[in-house]
Amino acid sequence: MLSVLPHLSWGDNLARLAVAAGLGGAIGFERELREREAGLRTHILVCVGSALFTIVSAYGFEGFLGSGDQVIRADPTRIAAQIVTGIGFLGAGAIIRQGISVRGLTTAATLWVAAAIGIAAGAGYYRGAVLTTVVTLVALWPLRLLGYRVLERLRPEERSVVIELRPGTRTTELLDALESRHAHVEYFQLQEEHDRRTVTLTLDTPSEALLAELGDLEFVQGVEWRR
């Protein structure tokens, strides 16, 4: 006696894809509000596409698997497993490097989570998909605001030091002076306008004494401490 092949009705297909679209859209809407690279449409497409891949992997080949005298056994997770690998390329495209800073890591992570939610919806695991969406939205909005408020109190105060150099001065002279005073530079920016050279930098341990020493250097015209 042949085994009964798994089958999804039109209603079941519609329900799983609709849940994937709704949950992916909820995450994408938050990204859209914050004007991120991947927004509402991208997250919906990723979530729905992952759900469809999962459905096809589990139910799309029932005609082929049961075409002979015996039902061919197959692993229904093989296609869905490749989603995890494929979504990495899409997430990498959302990451942008701007100078020494990197943007888009959170958006890349939400695309990865959207794919996982789509797989869960496509497999009919609605509770896991809904709970993951709720946790993701909490992490993106309330937890983000709470984290910023807590970190602002815990992290040491950062202030930028603006130093105006005399004409003809090389920035290496300033860096050597900072290194000799064991001051670590976390951020460095040089602005040149005609014969005026201004350096904006952030130090790990700024102090009034250090600024006074920098102001006494021969090649320094002025020092300003900005918050």
C-alpha atoms as a PDB file:
ATOM      1  CA  MET A   1       0.000   0.000   0.000  1.00  0.00           C
ATOM      2  CA  LEU A   2       1.390   3.335  -1.028  1.00  0.00           C
ATOM      3  CA  SER A   3       1.950   6.049   1.557  1.00  0.00           C
ATOM      4  CA  VAL A   4      -0.176   9.164   1.382  1.00  0.00           C
ATOM      5  CA  LEU A   5       1.789  12.078  -0.008  1.00  0.00           C
ATOM      6  CA  PRO A   6       1.592  15.430   1.810  1.00  0.00           C
ATOM      7  CA  HIS A   7      -0.642  17.922   0.066  1.00  0.00           C
ATOM      8  CA  LEU A   8      -1.567  21.574   0.553  1.00  0.00           C
ATOM      9  CA  SER A   9      -4.842  23.065  -0.614  1.00  0.00           C
ATOM     10  CA  TRP A  10      -5.149  26.484  -2.231  1.00  0.00           C
ATOM     11  CA  GLY A  11      -6.363  27.863   1.077  1.00  0.00           C
ATOM     12  CA  ASP A  12      -3.399  26.479   2.977  1.00  0.00           C
ATOM     13  CA  ASN A  13      -0.965  27.919   0.443  1.00  0.00           C
ATOM     14  CA  LEU A  14      -2.667  31.301   0.599  1.00  0.00           C
ATOM     15  CA  ALA A  15      -2.662  31.305   4.404  1.00  0.00           C
ATOM     16  CA  ARG A  16       1.049  30.510   4.695  1.00  0.00           C
ATOM     17  CA  LEU A  17       2.110  33.061   2.083  1.00  0.00           C
ATOM     18  CA  ALA A  18      -0.199  35.711   3.558  1.00  0.00           C
ATOM     19  CA  VAL A  19       1.220  35.173   7.055  1.00  0.00           C
ATOM     20  CA  ALA A  20       4.747  35.425   5.661  1.00  0.00           C
ATOM     21  CA  ALA A  21       3.891  38.648   3.821  1.00  0.00           C
ATOM     22  CA  GLY A  22       2.261  40.195   6.888  1.00  0.00           C
ATOM     23  CA  LEU A  23       5.051  39.352   9.305  1.00  0.00           C
ATOM     24  CA  GLY A  24       7.797  40.327   6.878  1.00  0.00           C
ATOM     25  CA  GLY A  25       5.946  43.553   6.156  1.00  0.00           C
ATOM     26  CA  ALA A  26       5.796  44.398   9.868  1.00  0.00           C
ATOM     27  CA  ILE A  27       9.583  44.251  10.122  1.00  0.00           C
ATOM     28  CA  GLY A  28      10.045  46.021   6.802  1.00  0.00           C
ATOM     29  CA  PHE A  29       7.704  48.836   7.874  1.00  0.00           C
ATOM     30  CA  GLU A  30       9.948  49.601  10.840  1.00  0.00           C
ATOM     31  CA  ARG A  31      12.996  49.667   8.551  1.00  0.00           C
ATOM     32  CA  GLU A  32      11.090  51.897   6.115  1.00  0.00           C
ATOM     33  CA  LEU A  33      10.277  54.389   8.878  1.00  0.00           C
ATOM     34  CA  ARG A  34      13.970  54.635   9.699  1.00  0.00           C
ATOM     35  CA  GLU A  35      14.797  55.053   5.982  1.00  0.00           C
ATOM     36  CA  ARG A  36      17.097  52.037   5.799  1.00  0.00           C
ATOM     37  CA  GLU A  37      18.442  50.486   2.611  1.00  0.00           C
ATOM     38  CA  ALA A  38      16.085  47.487   2.775  1.00  0.00           C
ATOM     39  CA  GLY A  39      12.537  48.510   3.604  1.00  0.00           C
ATOM     40  CA  LEU A  40       8.958  47.286   3.372  1.00  0.00           C
ATOM     41  CA  ARG A  41       8.994  45.683  -0.077  1.00  0.00           C
ATOM     42  CA  THR A  42      12.375  44.009   0.366  1.00  0.00           C
ATOM     43  CA  HIS A  43      11.408  42.339   3.644  1.00  0.00           C
ATOM     44  CA  ILE A  44       8.048  41.203   2.235  1.00  0.00           C
ATOM     45  CA  LEU A  45       9.748  39.676  -0.800  1.00  0.00           C
ATOM     46  CA  VAL A  46      12.404  37.940   1.308  1.00  0.00           C
ATOM     47  CA  CYS A  47       9.814  36.523   3.701  1.00  0.00           C
ATOM     48  CA  VAL A  48       7.373  35.401   0.997  1.00  0.00           C
ATOM     49  CA  GLY A  49      10.171  33.973  -1.139  1.00  0.00           C
ATOM     50  CA  SER A  50      11.497  31.954   1.793  1.00  0.00           C
ATOM     51  CA  ALA A  51       7.992  30.677   2.546  1.00  0.00           C
ATOM     52  CA  LEU A  52       7.469  29.609  -1.063  1.00  0.00           C
ATOM     53  CA  PHE A  53      10.832  27.836  -1.198  1.00  0.00           C
ATOM     54  CA  THR A  54       9.833  25.947   1.943  1.00  0.00           C
ATOM     55  CA  ILE A  55       6.425  25.018   0.519  1.00  0.00           C
ATOM     56  CA  VAL A  56       7.926  23.865  -2.768  1.00  0.00           C
ATOM     57  CA  SER A  57      10.580  21.874  -0.941  1.00  0.00           C
ATOM     58  CA  ALA A  58       7.999  20.035   1.160  1.00  0.00           C
ATOM     59  CA  TYR A  59       5.000  19.777  -1.188  1.00  0.00           C
ATOM     60  CA  GLY A  60       6.028  20.831  -4.693  1.00  0.00           C
ATOM     61  CA  PHE A  61       7.313  17.491  -5.939  1.00  0.00           C
ATOM     62  CA  GLU A  62       4.482  15.206  -4.822  1.00  0.00           C
ATOM     63  CA  GLY A  63       3.655  14.274  -8.424  1.00  0.00           C
ATOM     64  CA  PHE A  64       7.220  13.203  -9.142  1.00  0.00           C
ATOM     65  CA  LEU A  65       7.739  11.426  -5.833  1.00  0.00           C
ATOM     66  CA  GLY A  66       4.615   9.323  -6.236  1.00  0.00           C
ATOM     67  CA  SER A  67       4.747   8.745  -9.986  1.00  0.00           C
ATOM     68  CA  GLY A  68       6.134   5.204  -9.777  1.00  0.00           C
ATOM     69  CA  ASP A  69       5.017   2.022  -8.087  1.00  0.00           C
ATOM     70  CA  GLN A  70       6.584   3.186  -4.878  1.00  0.00           C
ATOM     71  CA  VAL A  71       6.759   6.515  -3.162  1.00  0.00           C
ATOM     72  CA  ILE A  72      10.286   7.921  -3.393  1.00  0.00           C
ATOM     73  CA  ARG A  73      11.598   9.181  -0.100  1.00  0.00           C
ATOM     74  CA  ALA A  74      13.145  12.643  -0.180  1.00  0.00           C
ATOM     75  CA  ASP A  75      14.375  15.224   2.304  1.00  0.00           C
ATOM     76  CA  PRO A  76      11.856  18.115   2.287  1.00  0.00           C
ATOM     77  CA  THR A  77      14.341  20.480   3.937  1.00  0.00           C
ATOM     78  CA  ARG A  78      17.056  20.439   1.268  1.00  0.00           C
ATOM     79  CA  ILE A  79      15.786  23.428  -0.716  1.00  0.00           C
ATOM     80  CA  ALA A  80      14.800  25.366   2.407  1.00  0.00           C
ATOM     81  CA  ALA A  81      18.271  24.844   3.863  1.00  0.00           C
ATOM     82  CA  GLN A  82      19.826  26.746   0.971  1.00  0.00           C
ATOM     83  CA  ILE A  83      17.847  29.857   1.935  1.00  0.00           C
ATOM     84  CA  VAL A  84      20.161  30.362   4.914  1.00  0.00           C
ATOM     85  CA  THR A  85      23.148  30.445   2.569  1.00  0.00           C
ATOM     86  CA  GLY A  86      21.496  32.528  -0.128  1.00  0.00           C
ATOM     87  CA  ILE A  87      20.225  35.228   2.203  1.00  0.00           C
ATOM     88  CA  GLY A  88      23.816  35.956   3.232  1.00  0.00           C
ATOM     89  CA  PHE A  89      24.538  37.469  -0.190  1.00  0.00           C
ATOM     90  CA  LEU A  90      21.505  39.741   0.057  1.00  0.00           C
ATOM     91  CA  GLY A  91      22.427  40.804   3.564  1.00  0.00           C
ATOM     92  CA  ALA A  92      25.978  41.604   2.485  1.00  0.00           C
ATOM     93  CA  GLY A  93      24.563  44.042  -0.070  1.00  0.00           C
ATOM     94  CA  ALA A  94      22.845  46.005   2.700  1.00  0.00           C
ATOM     95  CA  ILE A  95      26.110  46.598   4.573  1.00  0.00           C
ATOM     96  CA  ILE A  96      27.821  49.858   3.627  1.00  0.00           C
ATOM     97  CA  ARG A  97      31.261  50.992   4.747  1.00  0.00           C
ATOM     98  CA  GLN A  98      31.688  54.747   5.141  1.00  0.00           C
ATOM     99  CA  GLY A  99      35.216  55.632   6.155  1.00  0.00           C
ATOM    100  CA  ILE A 100      35.887  54.012   9.505  1.00  0.00           C
ATOM    101  CA  SER A 101      32.193  53.334  10.208  1.00  0.00           C
ATOM    102  CA  VAL A 102      29.981  50.504   8.988  1.00  0.00           C
ATOM    103  CA  ARG A 103      26.247  50.864   8.332  1.00  0.00           C
ATOM    104  CA  GLY A 104      23.556  48.334   7.534  1.00  0.00           C
ATOM    105  CA  LEU A 105      24.452  45.534   9.946  1.00  0.00           C
ATOM    106  CA  THR A 106      21.056  45.694  11.664  1.00  0.00           C
ATOM    107  CA  THR A 107      19.225  45.746   8.329  1.00  0.00           C
ATOM    108  CA  ALA A 108      21.224  42.739   7.142  1.00  0.00           C
ATOM    109  CA  ALA A 109      20.246  40.952  10.356  1.00  0.00           C
ATOM    110  CA  THR A 110      16.554  41.764   9.856  1.00  0.00           C
ATOM    111  CA  LEU A 111      16.715  40.310   6.340  1.00  0.00           C
ATOM    112  CA  TRP A 112      18.204  37.146   7.824  1.00  0.00           C
ATOM    113  CA  VAL A 113      15.447  36.998  10.455  1.00  0.00           C
ATOM    114  CA  ALA A 114      12.784  37.692   7.797  1.00  0.00           C
ATOM    115  CA  ALA A 115      14.016  34.662   5.869  1.00  0.00           C
ATOM    116  CA  ALA A 116      13.750  32.542   9.030  1.00  0.00           C
ATOM    117  CA  ILE A 117      10.213  33.824   9.639  1.00  0.00           C
ATOM    118  CA  GLY A 118       9.304  32.983   6.038  1.00  0.00           C
ATOM    119  CA  ILE A 119      10.618  29.433   6.463  1.00  0.00           C
ATOM    120  CA  ALA A 120       8.558  29.017   9.646  1.00  0.00           C
ATOM    121  CA  ALA A 121       5.416  30.374   7.967  1.00  0.00           C
ATOM    122  CA  GLY A 122       5.957  28.179   4.915  1.00  0.00           C
ATOM    123  CA  ALA A 123       6.296  25.140   7.168  1.00  0.00           C
ATOM    124  CA  GLY A 124       3.070  26.050   8.995  1.00  0.00           C
ATOM    125  CA  TYR A 125       4.851  26.877  12.250  1.00  0.00           C
ATOM    126  CA  TYR A 126       2.843  30.048  12.797  1.00  0.00           C
ATOM    127  CA  ARG A 127       3.496  30.408  16.523  1.00  0.00           C
ATOM    128  CA  GLY A 128       7.248  30.481  16.032  1.00  0.00           C
ATOM    129  CA  ALA A 129       6.935  32.950  13.155  1.00  0.00           C
ATOM    130  CA  VAL A 130       4.699  35.329  15.096  1.00  0.00           C
ATOM    131  CA  LEU A 131       6.762  35.179  18.285  1.00  0.00           C
ATOM    132  CA  THR A 132       9.988  35.806  16.351  1.00  0.00           C
ATOM    133  CA  THR A 133       8.417  38.817  14.656  1.00  0.00           C
ATOM    134  CA  VAL A 134       7.336  40.272  17.991  1.00  0.00           C
ATOM    135  CA  VAL A 135      10.794  39.771  19.514  1.00  0.00           C
ATOM    136  CA  THR A 136      12.423  41.349  16.440  1.00  0.00           C
ATOM    137  CA  LEU A 137      10.184  44.435  16.583  1.00  0.00           C
ATOM    138  CA  VAL A 138      10.877  44.834  20.297  1.00  0.00           C
ATOM    139  CA  ALA A 139      14.620  44.623  19.632  1.00  0.00           C
ATOM    140  CA  LEU A 140      14.399  47.179  16.815  1.00  0.00           C
ATOM    141  CA  TRP A 141      12.315  49.780  18.624  1.00  0.00           C
ATOM    142  CA  PRO A 142      11.798  49.727  22.440  1.00  0.00           C
ATOM    143  CA  LEU A 143      14.997  47.829  23.205  1.00  0.00           C
ATOM    144  CA  ARG A 144      16.978  50.187  20.987  1.00  0.00           C
ATOM    145  CA  LEU A 145      15.676  53.262  22.825  1.00  0.00           C
ATOM    146  CA  LEU A 146      16.263  51.654  26.224  1.00  0.00           C
ATOM    147  CA  GLY A 147      19.755  50.555  25.232  1.00  0.00           C
ATOM    148  CA  TYR A 148      20.732  54.039  24.110  1.00  0.00           C
ATOM    149  CA  ARG A 149      19.536  55.581  27.364  1.00  0.00           C
ATOM    150  CA  VAL A 150      21.399  53.051  29.501  1.00  0.00           C
ATOM    151  CA  LEU A 151      24.596  53.229  27.450  1.00  0.00           C
ATOM    152  CA  GLU A 152      24.608  57.019  27.524  1.00  0.00           C
ATOM    153  CA  ARG A 153      24.815  56.826  31.311  1.00  0.00           C
ATOM    154  CA  LEU A 154      27.377  54.029  31.452  1.00  0.00           C
ATOM    155  CA  ARG A 155      29.804  54.980  28.696  1.00  0.00           C
ATOM    156  CA  PRO A 156      32.410  57.643  29.396  1.00  0.00           C
ATOM    157  CA  GLU A 157      31.754  61.096  28.017  1.00  0.00           C
ATOM    158  CA  GLU A 158      33.231  61.619  24.570  1.00  0.00           C
ATOM    159  CA  ARG A 159      34.347  65.033  23.409  1.00  0.00           C
ATOM    160  CA  SER A 160      36.064  66.026  20.202  1.00  0.00           C
ATOM    161  CA  VAL A 161      39.270  68.013  20.163  1.00  0.00           C
ATOM    162  CA  VAL A 162      39.707  70.522  17.334  1.00  0.00           C
ATOM    163  CA  ILE A 163      43.305  71.538  16.695  1.00  0.00           C
ATOM    164  CA  GLU A 164      44.395  74.207  14.224  1.00  0.00           C
ATOM    165  CA  LEU A 165      47.882  73.622  12.863  1.00  0.00           C
ATOM    166  CA  ARG A 166      50.297  76.218  11.581  1.00  0.00           C
ATOM    167  CA  PRO A 167      50.876  76.340   7.799  1.00  0.00           C
ATOM    168  CA  GLY A 168      53.314  73.707   6.596  1.00  0.00           C
ATOM    169  CA  THR A 169      52.826  71.441   9.597  1.00  0.00           C
ATOM    170  CA  ARG A 170      52.492  67.742   8.867  1.00  0.00           C
ATOM    171  CA  THR A 171      49.825  65.738  10.673  1.00  0.00           C
ATOM    172  CA  THR A 172      52.439  63.145  11.591  1.00  0.00           C
ATOM    173  CA  GLU A 173      54.006  65.713  13.938  1.00  0.00           C
ATOM    174  CA  LEU A 174      50.722  65.985  15.842  1.00  0.00           C
ATOM    175  CA  LEU A 175      50.244  62.221  15.925  1.00  0.00           C
ATOM    176  CA  ASP A 176      53.783  61.748  17.217  1.00  0.00           C
ATOM    177  CA  ALA A 177      53.117  64.290  19.959  1.00  0.00           C
ATOM    178  CA  LEU A 178      49.943  62.468  20.976  1.00  0.00           C
ATOM    179  CA  GLU A 179      51.695  59.100  20.949  1.00  0.00           C
ATOM    180  CA  SER A 180      54.501  60.388  23.136  1.00  0.00           C
ATOM    181  CA  ARG A 181      51.855  61.441  25.668  1.00  0.00           C
ATOM    182  CA  HIS A 182      50.183  58.001  25.507  1.00  0.00           C
ATOM    183  CA  ALA A 183      46.986  59.452  24.035  1.00  0.00           C
ATOM    184  CA  HIS A 184      45.083  56.984  21.837  1.00  0.00           C
ATOM    185  CA  VAL A 185      43.248  58.511  18.847  1.00  0.00           C
ATOM    186  CA  GLU A 186      39.852  56.882  18.187  1.00  0.00           C
ATOM    187  CA  TYR A 187      38.768  59.238  15.395  1.00  0.00           C
ATOM    188  CA  PHE A 188      40.798  61.509  13.123  1.00  0.00           C
ATOM    189  CA  GLN A 189      39.658  63.975  10.450  1.00  0.00           C
ATOM    190  CA  LEU A 190      41.741  66.540   8.570  1.00  0.00           C
ATOM    191  CA  GLN A 191      40.222  69.616   6.900  1.00  0.00           C
ATOM    192  CA  GLU A 192      42.264  71.876   4.645  1.00  0.00           C
ATOM    193  CA  GLU A 193      41.140  75.296   3.454  1.00  0.00           C
ATOM    194  CA  HIS A 194      43.735  77.377   1.619  1.00  0.00           C
ATOM    195  CA  ASP A 195      46.661  77.612   4.082  1.00  0.00           C
ATOM    196  CA  ARG A 196      44.574  76.584   7.103  1.00  0.00           C
ATOM    197  CA  ARG A 197      44.720  73.008   8.401  1.00  0.00           C
ATOM    198  CA  THR A 198      42.262  71.867  11.063  1.00  0.00           C
ATOM    199  CA  VAL A 199      42.321  68.453  12.722  1.00  0.00           C
ATOM    200  CA  THR A 200      39.275  67.036  14.509  1.00  0.00           C
ATOM    201  CA  LEU A 201      39.957  64.001  16.674  1.00  0.00           C
ATOM    202  CA  THR A 202      38.490  61.965  19.512  1.00  0.00           C
ATOM    203  CA  LEU A 203      40.770  60.712  22.271  1.00  0.00           C
ATOM    204  CA  ASP A 204      40.188  57.775  24.587  1.00  0.00           C
ATOM    205  CA  THR A 205      41.266  59.716  27.682  1.00  0.00           C
ATOM    206  CA  PRO A 206      40.979  63.464  27.066  1.00  0.00           C
ATOM    207  CA  SER A 207      41.997  65.839  29.837  1.00  0.00           C
ATOM    208  CA  GLU A 208      42.535  69.531  30.410  1.00  0.00           C
ATOM    209  CA  ALA A 209      46.229  68.921  31.077  1.00  0.00           C
ATOM    210  CA  LEU A 210      46.689  67.178  27.742  1.00  0.00           C
ATOM    211  CA  LEU A 211      44.995  70.010  25.872  1.00  0.00           C
ATOM    212  CA  ALA A 212      47.204  72.543  27.627  1.00  0.00           C
ATOM    213  CA  GLU A 213      50.286  70.603  26.534  1.00  0.00           C
ATOM    214  CA  LEU A 214      49.021  70.440  22.941  1.00  0.00           C
ATOM    215  CA  GLY A 215      48.348  74.172  22.931  1.00  0.00           C
ATOM    216  CA  ASP A 216      51.976  74.834  23.934  1.00  0.00           C
ATOM    217  CA  LEU A 217      53.376  73.004  20.911  1.00  0.00           C
ATOM    218  CA  GLU A 218      55.101  75.229  18.368  1.00  0.00           C
ATOM    219  CA  PHE A 219      53.138  73.965  15.376  1.00  0.00           C
ATOM    220  CA  VAL A 220      49.713  74.359  17.055  1.00  0.00           C
ATOM    221  CA  GLN A 221      47.836  77.645  16.626  1.00  0.00           C
ATOM    222  CA  GLY A 222      44.780  76.814  18.688  1.00  0.00           C
ATOM    223  CA  VAL A 223      42.979  74.036  20.546  1.00  0.00           C
ATOM    224  CA  GLU A 224      39.241  73.756  21.175  1.00  0.00           C
ATOM    225  CA  TRP A 225      37.333  71.111  23.125  1.00  0.00           C
ATOM    226  CA  ARG A 226      33.879  70.438  21.699  1.00  0.00           C
ATOM    227  CA  ARG A 227      31.110  68.265  23.125  1.00  0.00           C
END
